[in-house]
Amino acid sequence: MVKGRKRIWARMLGTGLVLWLFTVITTHLTANPTLVPTLVLLGSFLVPVAFVAWAFERRTTGEITAALVFQTFVVGGVLGVLAASLLESYLLHPSATLFLGVGLIEEAVKLAALAVLTRGLKVKTPQDGMILGACVGLGFSAFESAGYALMAALTEQGLSLVDLVITELVRGLATPFGHGLWTAILGGVLFSRSGQESFLLTGRLLAAYLGVSLLHALWDSVHSIAVLITVALTEPSGWSLEETPGWISDPSSEQVVVLMVLTWSGLAVVALIGVGWLGALISIYQRPPRVEARGYPISTRGRWWPGGQPPPR
């Protein structure tokens, strides 16, 4: 790891949170619509940028520069959002497998953006792959959250500050366990079997891609699943799978509580699976290599040499 950390991420998070709160209060007191873009940008980018700064402080090589991190965050995030929007518009239609299709498309475009933007690195360690993957994923999340926040603010009754703030709070709390986490996993696996200026398509990478796509699909479908379970529990004799939409039109107080508990519990389970997976990868890739009697490691799992090849014997 690079020395001389200054915990800039903590100061960024604290300062940004204070500015966001001041912006919320000022917007509420003045009802000035010109403050909405400031509120949207602060609320959508605060947590992703702070996590990128935290990850940057844990880089393992000098090739991971601030310029590269900025490029993967902004360019990777924008390219991912645009590509996902185009592909989902033309390839996906309302169906039972909609969320799975979204997961497969969005994880594919983020992985492709990561590979394109980092292909020139001479040394590719799994740890740096996780960092850069997280940057791409967090950039994707920030731009996507800005869109959702703006849609929440614009209602039929006019500008809704409450809906905007709630959307930013919920998505801000969920940010560390979503796109950044999933693309960090893919980045670690991608870099673990890569050489100079090239990436290898392996069975392990394909399995990781399918796995994070499934986590993504589960994350997106948690609310719909929670609705089905809530209706089944509270109205056992008056519901059917075909007639139950993805929401409850006039929920009772009991249904509101059950739905909220089930939704957050489901998100917590999916988040724990992702965090556990990433933690396992970190443990594997930081494990020291086994050494033969002649002193050379017999495994390059942790990318101990540039290019992935040990010195000649």
C-alpha atoms as a PDB file:
ATOM      1  CA  MET A   1       0.000   0.000   0.000  1.00  0.00           C
ATOM      2  CA  VAL A   2       1.075   3.555  -0.657  1.00  0.00           C
ATOM      3  CA  LYS A   3       2.277   5.359   2.449  1.00  0.00           C
ATOM      4  CA  GLY A   4       1.355   8.788   3.690  1.00  0.00           C
ATOM      5  CA  ARG A   5      -2.389   8.486   4.010  1.00  0.00           C
ATOM      6  CA  LYS A   6      -4.146  11.527   5.321  1.00  0.00           C
ATOM      7  CA  ARG A   7      -7.715  10.202   5.617  1.00  0.00           C
ATOM      8  CA  ILE A   8      -8.886  12.770   3.105  1.00  0.00           C
ATOM      9  CA  TRP A   9     -12.002  10.693   2.501  1.00  0.00           C
ATOM     10  CA  ALA A  10     -13.264  11.320   6.055  1.00  0.00           C
ATOM     11  CA  ARG A  11     -12.895  15.087   5.712  1.00  0.00           C
ATOM     12  CA  MET A  12     -14.570  14.979   2.299  1.00  0.00           C
ATOM     13  CA  LEU A  13     -17.502  13.003   3.691  1.00  0.00           C
ATOM     14  CA  GLY A  14     -17.922  15.248   6.717  1.00  0.00           C
ATOM     15  CA  THR A  15     -17.637  18.509   4.788  1.00  0.00           C
ATOM     16  CA  GLY A  16     -19.928  17.271   2.033  1.00  0.00           C
ATOM     17  CA  LEU A  17     -22.552  16.128   4.524  1.00  0.00           C
ATOM     18  CA  VAL A  18     -22.586  19.555   6.214  1.00  0.00           C
ATOM     19  CA  LEU A  19     -22.919  21.294   2.837  1.00  0.00           C
ATOM     20  CA  TRP A  20     -25.736  18.924   1.843  1.00  0.00           C
ATOM     21  CA  LEU A  21     -27.637  19.638   5.075  1.00  0.00           C
ATOM     22  CA  PHE A  22     -27.215  23.405   4.619  1.00  0.00           C
ATOM     23  CA  THR A  23     -28.487  23.066   1.051  1.00  0.00           C
ATOM     24  CA  VAL A  24     -31.560  21.105   2.198  1.00  0.00           C
ATOM     25  CA  ILE A  25     -32.371  23.686   4.861  1.00  0.00           C
ATOM     26  CA  THR A  26     -31.833  26.643   2.522  1.00  0.00           C
ATOM     27  CA  THR A  27     -33.948  25.068  -0.214  1.00  0.00           C
ATOM     28  CA  HIS A  28     -36.737  24.422   2.283  1.00  0.00           C
ATOM     29  CA  LEU A  29     -36.642  27.983   3.662  1.00  0.00           C
ATOM     30  CA  THR A  30     -36.408  29.788   0.324  1.00  0.00           C
ATOM     31  CA  ALA A  31     -38.246  27.347  -1.997  1.00  0.00           C
ATOM     32  CA  ASN A  32     -35.661  28.364  -4.586  1.00  0.00           C
ATOM     33  CA  PRO A  33     -35.748  25.830  -7.457  1.00  0.00           C
ATOM     34  CA  THR A  34     -32.294  26.877  -8.677  1.00  0.00           C
ATOM     35  CA  LEU A  35     -30.831  25.077  -5.653  1.00  0.00           C
ATOM     36  CA  VAL A  36     -32.204  21.726  -6.795  1.00  0.00           C
ATOM     37  CA  PRO A  37     -29.218  20.890  -9.084  1.00  0.00           C
ATOM     38  CA  THR A  38     -26.833  21.607  -6.193  1.00  0.00           C
ATOM     39  CA  LEU A  39     -28.840  19.360  -3.895  1.00  0.00           C
ATOM     40  CA  VAL A  40     -29.027  16.586  -6.493  1.00  0.00           C
ATOM     41  CA  LEU A  41     -25.292  16.666  -7.233  1.00  0.00           C
ATOM     42  CA  LEU A  42     -24.228  16.846  -3.586  1.00  0.00           C
ATOM     43  CA  GLY A  43     -26.554  14.065  -2.503  1.00  0.00           C
ATOM     44  CA  SER A  44     -25.734  11.775  -5.425  1.00  0.00           C
ATOM     45  CA  PHE A  45     -21.945  12.167  -5.514  1.00  0.00           C
ATOM     46  CA  LEU A  46     -21.063  12.632  -1.823  1.00  0.00           C
ATOM     47  CA  VAL A  47     -20.887   8.998  -0.740  1.00  0.00           C
ATOM     48  CA  PRO A  48     -19.436   7.606  -4.017  1.00  0.00           C
ATOM     49  CA  VAL A  49     -16.669  10.234  -4.111  1.00  0.00           C
ATOM     50  CA  ALA A  50     -15.806   9.669  -0.437  1.00  0.00           C
ATOM     51  CA  PHE A  51     -15.557   5.913  -1.019  1.00  0.00           C
ATOM     52  CA  VAL A  52     -13.361   6.474  -4.083  1.00  0.00           C
ATOM     53  CA  ALA A  53     -11.026   8.610  -1.962  1.00  0.00           C
ATOM     54  CA  TRP A  54     -10.980   5.884   0.712  1.00  0.00           C
ATOM     55  CA  ALA A  55     -10.139   3.245  -1.896  1.00  0.00           C
ATOM     56  CA  PHE A  56      -7.447   5.448  -3.484  1.00  0.00           C
ATOM     57  CA  GLU A  57      -5.608   5.586  -0.166  1.00  0.00           C
ATOM     58  CA  ARG A  58      -5.337   1.781  -0.304  1.00  0.00           C
ATOM     59  CA  ARG A  59      -3.771   1.446  -3.757  1.00  0.00           C
ATOM     60  CA  THR A  60      -0.786  -0.895  -4.028  1.00  0.00           C
ATOM     61  CA  THR A  61       1.133   0.537  -7.007  1.00  0.00           C
ATOM     62  CA  GLY A  62       2.198   3.993  -8.156  1.00  0.00           C
ATOM     63  CA  GLU A  63       0.371   3.464 -11.447  1.00  0.00           C
ATOM     64  CA  ILE A  64      -2.954   4.083  -9.702  1.00  0.00           C
ATOM     65  CA  THR A  65      -2.852   7.872  -9.947  1.00  0.00           C
ATOM     66  CA  ALA A  66      -5.476  10.460  -9.106  1.00  0.00           C
ATOM     67  CA  ALA A  67      -5.928  11.088 -12.843  1.00  0.00           C
ATOM     68  CA  LEU A  68      -6.642   7.403 -13.508  1.00  0.00           C
ATOM     69  CA  VAL A  69      -9.076   7.218 -10.604  1.00  0.00           C
ATOM     70  CA  PHE A  70     -10.894  10.319 -11.879  1.00  0.00           C
ATOM     71  CA  GLN A  71     -11.022   8.841 -15.375  1.00  0.00           C
ATOM     72  CA  THR A  72     -12.439   5.519 -14.256  1.00  0.00           C
ATOM     73  CA  PHE A  73     -14.982   7.230 -12.009  1.00  0.00           C
ATOM     74  CA  VAL A  74     -16.269   9.816 -14.493  1.00  0.00           C
ATOM     75  CA  VAL A  75     -15.607   8.292 -17.918  1.00  0.00           C
ATOM     76  CA  GLY A  76     -16.310   4.740 -16.775  1.00  0.00           C
ATOM     77  CA  GLY A  77     -19.452   5.818 -14.943  1.00  0.00           C
ATOM     78  CA  VAL A  78     -20.853   7.856 -17.834  1.00  0.00           C
ATOM     79  CA  LEU A  79     -20.017   5.231 -20.466  1.00  0.00           C
ATOM     80  CA  GLY A  80     -21.594   2.564 -18.284  1.00  0.00           C
ATOM     81  CA  VAL A  81     -24.813   4.520 -17.769  1.00  0.00           C
ATOM     82  CA  LEU A  82     -25.127   5.385 -21.467  1.00  0.00           C
ATOM     83  CA  ALA A  83     -24.361   1.875 -22.713  1.00  0.00           C
ATOM     84  CA  ALA A  84     -26.699   0.287 -20.184  1.00  0.00           C
ATOM     85  CA  SER A  85     -29.504   2.698 -21.127  1.00  0.00           C
ATOM     86  CA  LEU A  86     -29.149   1.924 -24.842  1.00  0.00           C
ATOM     87  CA  LEU A  87     -28.925  -1.841 -24.405  1.00  0.00           C
ATOM     88  CA  GLU A  88     -31.793  -2.024 -21.915  1.00  0.00           C
ATOM     89  CA  SER A  89     -34.024   0.080 -24.170  1.00  0.00           C
ATOM     90  CA  TYR A  90     -33.562  -2.251 -27.145  1.00  0.00           C
ATOM     91  CA  LEU A  91     -33.063  -5.644 -25.494  1.00  0.00           C
ATOM     92  CA  LEU A  92     -35.295  -5.692 -22.418  1.00  0.00           C
ATOM     93  CA  HIS A  93     -39.069  -5.881 -22.133  1.00  0.00           C
ATOM     94  CA  PRO A  94     -41.371  -6.336 -19.110  1.00  0.00           C
ATOM     95  CA  SER A  95     -41.065  -9.967 -18.041  1.00  0.00           C
ATOM     96  CA  ALA A  96     -40.250 -12.196 -15.092  1.00  0.00           C
ATOM     97  CA  THR A  97     -36.563 -12.086 -16.068  1.00  0.00           C
ATOM     98  CA  LEU A  98     -36.359  -8.303 -16.432  1.00  0.00           C
ATOM     99  CA  PHE A  99     -34.157  -7.748 -13.373  1.00  0.00           C
ATOM    100  CA  LEU A 100     -31.796 -10.529 -14.413  1.00  0.00           C
ATOM    101  CA  GLY A 101     -31.437  -8.895 -17.825  1.00  0.00           C
ATOM    102  CA  VAL A 102     -30.662  -5.563 -16.166  1.00  0.00           C
ATOM    103  CA  GLY A 103     -28.004  -7.196 -14.000  1.00  0.00           C
ATOM    104  CA  LEU A 104     -26.347  -8.960 -16.923  1.00  0.00           C
ATOM    105  CA  ILE A 105     -26.265  -5.806 -19.065  1.00  0.00           C
ATOM    106  CA  GLU A 106     -25.098  -3.338 -16.419  1.00  0.00           C
ATOM    107  CA  GLU A 107     -22.384  -5.589 -15.022  1.00  0.00           C
ATOM    108  CA  ALA A 108     -21.150  -6.319 -18.559  1.00  0.00           C
ATOM    109  CA  VAL A 109     -20.861  -2.649 -19.551  1.00  0.00           C
ATOM    110  CA  LYS A 110     -19.083  -1.751 -16.301  1.00  0.00           C
ATOM    111  CA  LEU A 111     -16.618  -4.618 -16.755  1.00  0.00           C
ATOM    112  CA  ALA A 112     -15.989  -3.572 -20.368  1.00  0.00           C
ATOM    113  CA  ALA A 113     -15.429   0.068 -19.326  1.00  0.00           C
ATOM    114  CA  LEU A 114     -12.977  -1.044 -16.631  1.00  0.00           C
ATOM    115  CA  ALA A 115     -11.015  -3.215 -19.078  1.00  0.00           C
ATOM    116  CA  VAL A 116     -10.811  -0.475 -21.721  1.00  0.00           C
ATOM    117  CA  LEU A 117      -9.721   2.274 -19.321  1.00  0.00           C
ATOM    118  CA  THR A 118      -7.060   0.197 -17.517  1.00  0.00           C
ATOM    119  CA  ARG A 119      -5.661  -1.944 -20.335  1.00  0.00           C
ATOM    120  CA  GLY A 120      -2.412   0.085 -20.459  1.00  0.00           C
ATOM    121  CA  LEU A 121      -1.347  -0.617 -16.866  1.00  0.00           C
ATOM    122  CA  LYS A 122       1.979  -2.454 -16.708  1.00  0.00           C
ATOM    123  CA  VAL A 123       1.335  -3.985 -13.302  1.00  0.00           C
ATOM    124  CA  LYS A 124      -2.122  -5.371 -12.600  1.00  0.00           C
ATOM    125  CA  THR A 125      -2.606  -6.505  -9.021  1.00  0.00           C
ATOM    126  CA  PRO A 126      -5.961  -7.863  -7.796  1.00  0.00           C
ATOM    127  CA  GLN A 127      -6.062  -5.192  -5.079  1.00  0.00           C
ATOM    128  CA  ASP A 128      -5.726  -2.397  -7.618  1.00  0.00           C
ATOM    129  CA  GLY A 129      -8.305  -4.147  -9.793  1.00  0.00           C
ATOM    130  CA  MET A 130     -10.747  -3.995  -6.893  1.00  0.00           C
ATOM    131  CA  ILE A 131     -10.022  -0.294  -6.379  1.00  0.00           C
ATOM    132  CA  LEU A 132     -10.443   0.647 -10.030  1.00  0.00           C
ATOM    133  CA  GLY A 133     -13.482  -1.600 -10.369  1.00  0.00           C
ATOM    134  CA  ALA A 134     -15.036   0.149  -7.388  1.00  0.00           C
ATOM    135  CA  CYS A 135     -14.304   3.520  -9.048  1.00  0.00           C
ATOM    136  CA  VAL A 136     -16.168   2.517 -12.205  1.00  0.00           C
ATOM    137  CA  GLY A 137     -19.070   1.095 -10.197  1.00  0.00           C
ATOM    138  CA  LEU A 138     -19.302   4.102  -7.888  1.00  0.00           C
ATOM    139  CA  GLY A 139     -19.224   6.462 -10.856  1.00  0.00           C
ATOM    140  CA  PHE A 140     -22.066   4.496 -12.432  1.00  0.00           C
ATOM    141  CA  SER A 141     -23.963   4.664  -9.130  1.00  0.00           C
ATOM    142  CA  ALA A 142     -23.439   8.421  -8.736  1.00  0.00           C
ATOM    143  CA  PHE A 143     -24.761   9.330 -12.178  1.00  0.00           C
ATOM    144  CA  GLU A 144     -27.635   6.865 -11.857  1.00  0.00           C
ATOM    145  CA  SER A 145     -28.564   8.244  -8.418  1.00  0.00           C
ATOM    146  CA  ALA A 146     -28.591  11.781  -9.796  1.00  0.00           C
ATOM    147  CA  GLY A 147     -31.182  10.691 -12.343  1.00  0.00           C
ATOM    148  CA  TYR A 148     -33.357   8.986  -9.752  1.00  0.00           C
ATOM    149  CA  ALA A 149     -33.114  11.990  -7.418  1.00  0.00           C
ATOM    150  CA  LEU A 150     -34.186  14.363 -10.170  1.00  0.00           C
ATOM    151  CA  MET A 151     -37.153  12.145 -11.087  1.00  0.00           C
ATOM    152  CA  ALA A 152     -38.186  11.967  -7.426  1.00  0.00           C
ATOM    153  CA  ALA A 153     -38.114  15.759  -7.151  1.00  0.00           C
ATOM    154  CA  LEU A 154     -40.364  16.329 -10.176  1.00  0.00           C
ATOM    155  CA  THR A 155     -43.909  15.255  -9.319  1.00  0.00           C
ATOM    156  CA  GLU A 156     -47.370  16.062 -10.681  1.00  0.00           C
ATOM    157  CA  GLN A 157     -47.864  18.453  -7.756  1.00  0.00           C
ATOM    158  CA  GLY A 158     -44.630  20.277  -8.508  1.00  0.00           C
ATOM    159  CA  LEU A 159     -41.217  20.153  -6.863  1.00  0.00           C
ATOM    160  CA  SER A 160     -41.083  17.684  -3.940  1.00  0.00           C
ATOM    161  CA  LEU A 161     -38.176  18.361  -1.604  1.00  0.00           C
ATOM    162  CA  VAL A 162     -39.231  15.532   0.724  1.00  0.00           C
ATOM    163  CA  ASP A 163     -39.161  12.903  -2.024  1.00  0.00           C
ATOM    164  CA  LEU A 164     -35.815  14.199  -3.243  1.00  0.00           C
ATOM    165  CA  VAL A 165     -34.218  14.049   0.211  1.00  0.00           C
ATOM    166  CA  ILE A 166     -35.620  10.592   0.989  1.00  0.00           C
ATOM    167  CA  THR A 167     -34.372   9.230  -2.345  1.00  0.00           C
ATOM    168  CA  GLU A 168     -30.879  10.609  -1.762  1.00  0.00           C
ATOM    169  CA  LEU A 169     -30.742   9.297   1.809  1.00  0.00           C
ATOM    170  CA  VAL A 170     -31.844   5.782   0.830  1.00  0.00           C
ATOM    171  CA  ARG A 171     -29.553   5.541  -2.174  1.00  0.00           C
ATOM    172  CA  GLY A 172     -26.672   7.093  -0.235  1.00  0.00           C
ATOM    173  CA  LEU A 173     -26.964   4.468   2.509  1.00  0.00           C
ATOM    174  CA  ALA A 174     -27.154   1.676  -0.084  1.00  0.00           C
ATOM    175  CA  THR A 175     -24.291   2.957  -2.275  1.00  0.00           C
ATOM    176  CA  PRO A 176     -21.427   1.040  -0.581  1.00  0.00           C
ATOM    177  CA  PHE A 177     -23.234  -2.276  -1.110  1.00  0.00           C
ATOM    178  CA  GLY A 178     -24.303  -1.897  -4.736  1.00  0.00           C
ATOM    179  CA  HIS A 179     -22.529  -1.059  -7.989  1.00  0.00           C
ATOM    180  CA  GLY A 180     -19.172  -0.238  -6.408  1.00  0.00           C
ATOM    181  CA  LEU A 181     -19.057  -3.536  -4.506  1.00  0.00           C
ATOM    182  CA  TRP A 182     -20.083  -5.667  -7.494  1.00  0.00           C
ATOM    183  CA  THR A 183     -17.606  -4.083  -9.906  1.00  0.00           C
ATOM    184  CA  ALA A 184     -14.845  -4.273  -7.278  1.00  0.00           C
ATOM    185  CA  ILE A 185     -15.348  -8.050  -7.209  1.00  0.00           C
ATOM    186  CA  LEU A 186     -15.142  -8.213 -11.005  1.00  0.00           C
ATOM    187  CA  GLY A 187     -12.062  -5.979 -11.031  1.00  0.00           C
ATOM    188  CA  GLY A 188     -10.207  -8.177  -8.575  1.00  0.00           C
ATOM    189  CA  VAL A 189     -10.933 -11.333 -10.568  1.00  0.00           C
ATOM    190  CA  LEU A 190     -10.132  -9.630 -13.892  1.00  0.00           C
ATOM    191  CA  PHE A 191      -6.738  -8.344 -12.729  1.00  0.00           C
ATOM    192  CA  SER A 192      -5.796 -11.629 -11.024  1.00  0.00           C
ATOM    193  CA  ARG A 193      -5.291 -13.371 -14.371  1.00  0.00           C
ATOM    194  CA  SER A 194      -4.023 -10.568 -16.581  1.00  0.00           C
ATOM    195  CA  GLY A 195      -0.717  -9.698 -18.213  1.00  0.00           C
ATOM    196  CA  GLN A 196       0.826  -6.497 -19.503  1.00  0.00           C
ATOM    197  CA  GLU A 197      -1.607  -4.509 -21.650  1.00  0.00           C
ATOM    198  CA  SER A 198      -3.982  -7.458 -21.936  1.00  0.00           C
ATOM    199  CA  PHE A 199      -6.750  -9.217 -20.051  1.00  0.00           C
ATOM    200  CA  LEU A 200      -7.540 -12.904 -20.045  1.00  0.00           C
ATOM    201  CA  LEU A 201     -11.092 -14.182 -20.348  1.00  0.00           C
ATOM    202  CA  THR A 202     -11.219 -17.102 -17.932  1.00  0.00           C
ATOM    203  CA  GLY A 203     -13.850 -19.398 -16.492  1.00  0.00           C
ATOM    204  CA  ARG A 204     -13.325 -17.739 -13.110  1.00  0.00           C
ATOM    205  CA  LEU A 205     -14.104 -14.318 -14.597  1.00  0.00           C
ATOM    206  CA  LEU A 206     -17.231 -15.669 -16.306  1.00  0.00           C
ATOM    207  CA  ALA A 207     -18.403 -17.229 -13.028  1.00  0.00           C
ATOM    208  CA  ALA A 208     -17.760 -13.961 -11.170  1.00  0.00           C
ATOM    209  CA  TYR A 209     -19.666 -12.014 -13.826  1.00  0.00           C
ATOM    210  CA  LEU A 210     -22.676 -14.318 -13.592  1.00  0.00           C
ATOM    211  CA  GLY A 211     -22.503 -14.234  -9.790  1.00  0.00           C
ATOM    212  CA  VAL A 212     -22.483 -10.435  -9.448  1.00  0.00           C
ATOM    213  CA  SER A 213     -25.191 -10.172 -12.115  1.00  0.00           C
ATOM    214  CA  LEU A 214     -27.342 -12.465  -9.990  1.00  0.00           C
ATOM    215  CA  LEU A 215     -26.645 -10.367  -6.884  1.00  0.00           C
ATOM    216  CA  HIS A 216     -27.581  -7.273  -8.892  1.00  0.00           C
ATOM    217  CA  ALA A 217     -30.836  -8.890 -10.018  1.00  0.00           C
ATOM    218  CA  LEU A 218     -31.691  -9.969  -6.473  1.00  0.00           C
ATOM    219  CA  TRP A 219     -30.968  -6.452  -5.178  1.00  0.00           C
ATOM    220  CA  ASP A 220     -33.309  -4.895  -7.752  1.00  0.00           C
ATOM    221  CA  SER A 221     -36.070  -7.468  -7.187  1.00  0.00           C
ATOM    222  CA  VAL A 222     -36.068  -7.381  -3.374  1.00  0.00           C
ATOM    223  CA  HIS A 223     -38.950  -4.900  -3.221  1.00  0.00           C
ATOM    224  CA  SER A 224     -41.136  -6.880  -5.638  1.00  0.00           C
ATOM    225  CA  ILE A 225     -40.460 -10.087  -3.721  1.00  0.00           C
ATOM    226  CA  ALA A 226     -41.239  -8.296  -0.459  1.00  0.00           C
ATOM    227  CA  VAL A 227     -44.578  -7.121  -1.912  1.00  0.00           C
ATOM    228  CA  LEU A 228     -45.559 -10.694  -2.838  1.00  0.00           C
ATOM    229  CA  ILE A 229     -44.623 -12.024   0.595  1.00  0.00           C
ATOM    230  CA  THR A 230     -46.402  -9.143   2.360  1.00  0.00           C
ATOM    231  CA  VAL A 231     -49.645  -9.712   0.464  1.00  0.00           C
ATOM    232  CA  ALA A 232     -49.394 -13.479   1.016  1.00  0.00           C
ATOM    233  CA  LEU A 233     -48.937 -12.987   4.770  1.00  0.00           C
ATOM    234  CA  THR A 234     -51.579 -10.300   5.299  1.00  0.00           C
ATOM    235  CA  GLU A 235     -54.169 -11.469   2.760  1.00  0.00           C
ATOM    236  CA  PRO A 236     -53.669 -15.252   2.553  1.00  0.00           C
ATOM    237  CA  SER A 237     -57.084 -15.938   1.015  1.00  0.00           C
ATOM    238  CA  GLY A 238     -57.372 -13.027  -1.387  1.00  0.00           C
ATOM    239  CA  TRP A 239     -54.327 -12.964  -3.580  1.00  0.00           C
ATOM    240  CA  SER A 240     -52.717 -14.712  -6.508  1.00  0.00           C
ATOM    241  CA  LEU A 241     -49.283 -14.454  -8.039  1.00  0.00           C
ATOM    242  CA  GLU A 242     -50.711 -13.362 -11.400  1.00  0.00           C
ATOM    243  CA  GLU A 243     -52.912 -10.597  -9.965  1.00  0.00           C
ATOM    244  CA  THR A 244     -50.423  -9.072  -7.522  1.00  0.00           C
ATOM    245  CA  PRO A 245     -48.502  -6.095  -9.054  1.00  0.00           C
ATOM    246  CA  GLY A 246     -45.135  -4.878  -7.849  1.00  0.00           C
ATOM    247  CA  TRP A 247     -46.755  -2.550  -5.323  1.00  0.00           C
ATOM    248  CA  ILE A 248     -49.650  -2.318  -2.871  1.00  0.00           C
ATOM    249  CA  SER A 249     -52.111   0.366  -3.980  1.00  0.00           C
ATOM    250  CA  ASP A 250     -53.715   1.059  -0.594  1.00  0.00           C
ATOM    251  CA  PRO A 251     -51.579  -0.609   2.093  1.00  0.00           C
ATOM    252  CA  SER A 252     -52.702  -0.955   5.669  1.00  0.00           C
ATOM    253  CA  SER A 253     -50.430   0.072   8.531  1.00  0.00           C
ATOM    254  CA  GLU A 254     -49.614  -3.594   9.113  1.00  0.00           C
ATOM    255  CA  GLN A 255     -48.642  -4.065   5.463  1.00  0.00           C
ATOM    256  CA  VAL A 256     -46.417  -0.972   5.542  1.00  0.00           C
ATOM    257  CA  VAL A 257     -44.459  -2.346   8.502  1.00  0.00           C
ATOM    258  CA  VAL A 258     -44.165  -5.868   7.088  1.00  0.00           C
ATOM    259  CA  LEU A 259     -43.127  -4.564   3.673  1.00  0.00           C
ATOM    260  CA  MET A 260     -40.467  -2.282   5.136  1.00  0.00           C
ATOM    261  CA  VAL A 261     -39.013  -5.046   7.330  1.00  0.00           C
ATOM    262  CA  LEU A 262     -38.930  -7.559   4.476  1.00  0.00           C
ATOM    263  CA  THR A 263     -37.407  -5.075   2.022  1.00  0.00           C
ATOM    264  CA  TRP A 264     -34.570  -3.960   4.271  1.00  0.00           C
ATOM    265  CA  SER A 265     -33.943  -7.508   5.469  1.00  0.00           C
ATOM    266  CA  GLY A 266     -33.662  -8.698   1.885  1.00  0.00           C
ATOM    267  CA  LEU A 267     -31.271  -5.888   0.971  1.00  0.00           C
ATOM    268  CA  ALA A 268     -29.171  -6.681   4.046  1.00  0.00           C
ATOM    269  CA  VAL A 269     -28.872 -10.342   3.040  1.00  0.00           C
ATOM    270  CA  VAL A 270     -27.782  -9.472  -0.516  1.00  0.00           C
ATOM    271  CA  ALA A 271     -25.322  -6.878   0.841  1.00  0.00           C
ATOM    272  CA  LEU A 272     -23.800  -9.385   3.287  1.00  0.00           C
ATOM    273  CA  ILE A 273     -23.285 -11.902   0.494  1.00  0.00           C
ATOM    274  CA  GLY A 274     -21.461  -9.287  -1.599  1.00  0.00           C
ATOM    275  CA  VAL A 275     -19.318  -8.044   1.295  1.00  0.00           C
ATOM    276  CA  GLY A 276     -18.446 -11.604   2.274  1.00  0.00           C
ATOM    277  CA  TRP A 277     -17.473 -12.428  -1.305  1.00  0.00           C
ATOM    278  CA  LEU A 278     -15.226  -9.375  -1.598  1.00  0.00           C
ATOM    279  CA  GLY A 279     -13.687 -10.112   1.799  1.00  0.00           C
ATOM    280  CA  ALA A 280     -12.893 -13.666   0.712  1.00  0.00           C
ATOM    281  CA  LEU A 281     -11.188 -12.387  -2.449  1.00  0.00           C
ATOM    282  CA  ILE A 282      -9.105  -9.916  -0.440  1.00  0.00           C
ATOM    283  CA  SER A 283      -8.046 -12.705   1.907  1.00  0.00           C
ATOM    284  CA  ILE A 284      -7.059 -14.962  -1.012  1.00  0.00           C
ATOM    285  CA  TYR A 285      -5.135 -12.352  -2.964  1.00  0.00           C
ATOM    286  CA  GLN A 286      -3.252 -11.054   0.082  1.00  0.00           C
ATOM    287  CA  ARG A 287      -2.173 -14.547   1.077  1.00  0.00           C
ATOM    288  CA  PRO A 288       1.631 -14.930   0.754  1.00  0.00           C
ATOM    289  CA  PRO A 289       2.783 -17.383  -1.911  1.00  0.00           C
ATOM    290  CA  ARG A 290       3.995 -20.871  -1.131  1.00  0.00           C
ATOM    291  CA  VAL A 291       7.755 -21.167  -1.618  1.00  0.00           C
ATOM    292  CA  GLU A 292       9.795 -24.038  -2.943  1.00  0.00           C
ATOM    293  CA  ALA A 293      13.174 -24.965  -1.554  1.00  0.00           C
ATOM    294  CA  ARG A 294      14.914 -22.915  -4.274  1.00  0.00           C
ATOM    295  CA  GLY A 295      13.114 -19.821  -3.054  1.00  0.00           C
ATOM    296  CA  TYR A 296      10.666 -19.124  -5.894  1.00  0.00           C
ATOM    297  CA  PRO A 297       6.901 -18.974  -5.348  1.00  0.00           C
ATOM    298  CA  ILE A 298       5.092 -21.799  -7.127  1.00  0.00           C
ATOM    299  CA  SER A 299       1.872 -19.837  -7.463  1.00  0.00           C
ATOM    300  CA  THR A 300       1.268 -16.386  -8.962  1.00  0.00           C
ATOM    301  CA  ARG A 301      -2.335 -16.177  -7.720  1.00  0.00           C
ATOM    302  CA  GLY A 302      -1.624 -12.849  -6.005  1.00  0.00           C
ATOM    303  CA  ARG A 303       0.152 -11.335  -9.052  1.00  0.00           C
ATOM    304  CA  TRP A 304       3.593 -11.267  -7.511  1.00  0.00           C
ATOM    305  CA  TRP A 305       5.379 -10.280 -10.736  1.00  0.00           C
ATOM    306  CA  PRO A 306       4.489  -7.821 -13.491  1.00  0.00           C
ATOM    307  CA  GLY A 307       3.033  -9.687 -16.406  1.00  0.00           C
ATOM    308  CA  GLY A 308       2.172 -12.721 -14.293  1.00  0.00           C
ATOM    309  CA  GLN A 309       5.374 -14.674 -14.968  1.00  0.00           C
ATOM    310  CA  PRO A 310       7.895 -15.661 -12.265  1.00  0.00           C
ATOM    311  CA  PRO A 311      11.603 -15.226 -12.968  1.00  0.00           C
ATOM    312  CA  PRO A 312      13.289 -18.031 -14.920  1.00  0.00           C
ATOM    313  CA  ARG A 313      14.795 -20.856 -12.914  1.00  0.00           C
END
